[in-house]
Each structure stands twice: as C-alpha cells, then as structure tokens.
Amino acid sequence: MRTTVVGIFLLIVMITSRFYIQAVGASSTIYIRADGSIDPPAAPISSSDNITYTLTGNIAEPVVIERSNIIVDGDG
C-alpha cells in the first residue's frame, strides 16, 4: 500500500513538473537601445556618454545596435 502511494505521488510529480521545466538558452541577444541604454544591463558593455560603447569582456551573443551615430570600441 505504501509503495503504491509513493509511486502515485512520484507519477503526479513527474507529470506536473514537465510544465515548469524550461530549456536554458546558451545565450541571449544584447541590445544597445535607441535611447542609449544597454539591455540586459549586466552585458559586458560600458558607456559613460551614450556615444562610445566599450566591450569590457568576451561577447558570444549577438549585439543589436538600435542607436545611430555611436562608436563601438572592442578595446583591443
């Protein structure tokens, strides 16, 4: 009886948990928005004047630039 209850419980957990499991993306797109902001904010890109953007780390994600008249500096 106890084994049956545990088995049913595990079956219910397995069936319902598949709806909460999401695939982990290896990367996401980085945006330099038209207003000069960087999205996501934790991206390895910095700017003090919203004109010159410096890459501060390795970037494997695509970068979409929506802002005009800027400089993108790879920092070597």
Protein backbone atom coordinates (compact mmCIF):
# COMPACT_ATOMS: atom_id res chain seq x y z
CA MET A 1 0.00 0.00 0.00
CA ARG A 2 2.77 2.43 0.97
CA THR A 3 4.70 1.62 -2.23
CA THR A 4 1.60 2.31 -4.31
CA VAL A 5 1.07 5.70 -2.66
CA VAL A 6 4.71 6.66 -3.18
CA GLY A 7 4.53 5.50 -6.80
CA ILE A 8 1.38 7.52 -7.46
CA PHE A 9 2.94 10.57 -5.79
CA LEU A 10 6.08 10.29 -7.94
CA LEU A 11 3.98 9.88 -11.07
CA ILE A 12 1.98 13.03 -10.25
CA VAL A 13 5.18 14.98 -9.56
CA MET A 14 6.74 13.84 -12.85
CA ILE A 15 3.64 14.72 -14.88
CA THR A 16 3.15 18.17 -13.34
CA SER A 17 6.84 19.10 -13.23
CA ARG A 18 7.20 18.92 -17.00
CA PHE A 19 5.17 22.12 -17.23
CA TYR A 20 7.63 24.02 -15.03
CA ILE A 21 10.87 22.92 -16.70
CA GLN A 22 12.17 25.42 -19.22
CA ALA A 23 15.04 24.99 -21.60
CA VAL A 24 18.11 27.03 -20.70
CA GLY A 25 19.30 29.20 -23.54
CA ALA A 26 23.03 29.28 -24.08
CA SER A 27 22.94 32.94 -24.95
CA SER A 28 20.67 35.90 -25.43
CA THR A 29 20.82 38.95 -27.63
CA ILE A 30 22.41 42.14 -26.31
CA TYR A 31 20.81 45.42 -27.37
CA ILE A 32 22.09 48.96 -27.49
CA ARG A 33 18.72 50.67 -27.50
CA ALA A 34 17.78 53.84 -29.40
CA ASP A 35 17.81 55.80 -26.12
CA GLY A 36 21.39 54.64 -25.42
CA SER A 37 20.60 52.08 -22.74
CA ILE A 38 22.14 48.61 -22.78
CA ASP A 39 19.87 45.60 -22.42
CA PRO A 40 20.45 43.44 -20.44
CA PRO A 41 22.15 45.84 -18.00
CA ALA A 42 24.64 43.13 -16.96
CA ALA A 43 26.03 42.80 -20.51
CA PRO A 44 29.81 43.35 -20.72
CA ILE A 45 29.45 46.70 -22.49
CA SER A 46 30.01 50.08 -20.87
CA SER A 47 29.39 53.67 -21.88
CA SER A 48 29.84 56.91 -19.98
CA ASP A 49 28.40 59.22 -22.64
CA ASN A 50 25.96 57.03 -24.65
CA ILE A 51 28.10 57.72 -27.74
CA THR A 52 31.14 55.48 -27.21
CA TYR A 53 30.45 51.90 -26.12
CA THR A 54 33.35 49.74 -24.94
CA LEU A 55 33.23 45.95 -24.82
CA THR A 56 34.51 45.06 -21.36
CA GLY A 57 34.52 41.28 -21.75
CA ASN A 58 34.14 38.49 -24.24
CA ILE A 59 30.79 38.50 -26.00
CA ALA A 60 29.48 35.41 -27.77
CA GLU A 61 25.93 36.71 -28.05
CA PRO A 62 24.61 38.75 -30.98
CA VAL A 63 24.65 42.53 -30.46
CA VAL A 64 21.83 44.57 -31.99
CA ILE A 65 22.51 48.30 -32.27
CA GLU A 66 19.36 50.41 -32.49
CA ARG A 67 21.11 53.74 -31.78
CA SER A 68 22.54 55.98 -34.51
CA ASN A 69 25.86 57.87 -34.55
CA ILE A 70 27.77 55.81 -31.98
CA ILE A 71 31.23 54.27 -31.70
CA VAL A 72 31.67 50.63 -30.69
CA ASP A 73 35.17 50.05 -29.28
CA GLY A 74 36.32 46.43 -28.99
CA ASP A 75 39.02 47.56 -26.51
CA GLY A 76 41.80 45.70 -28.28
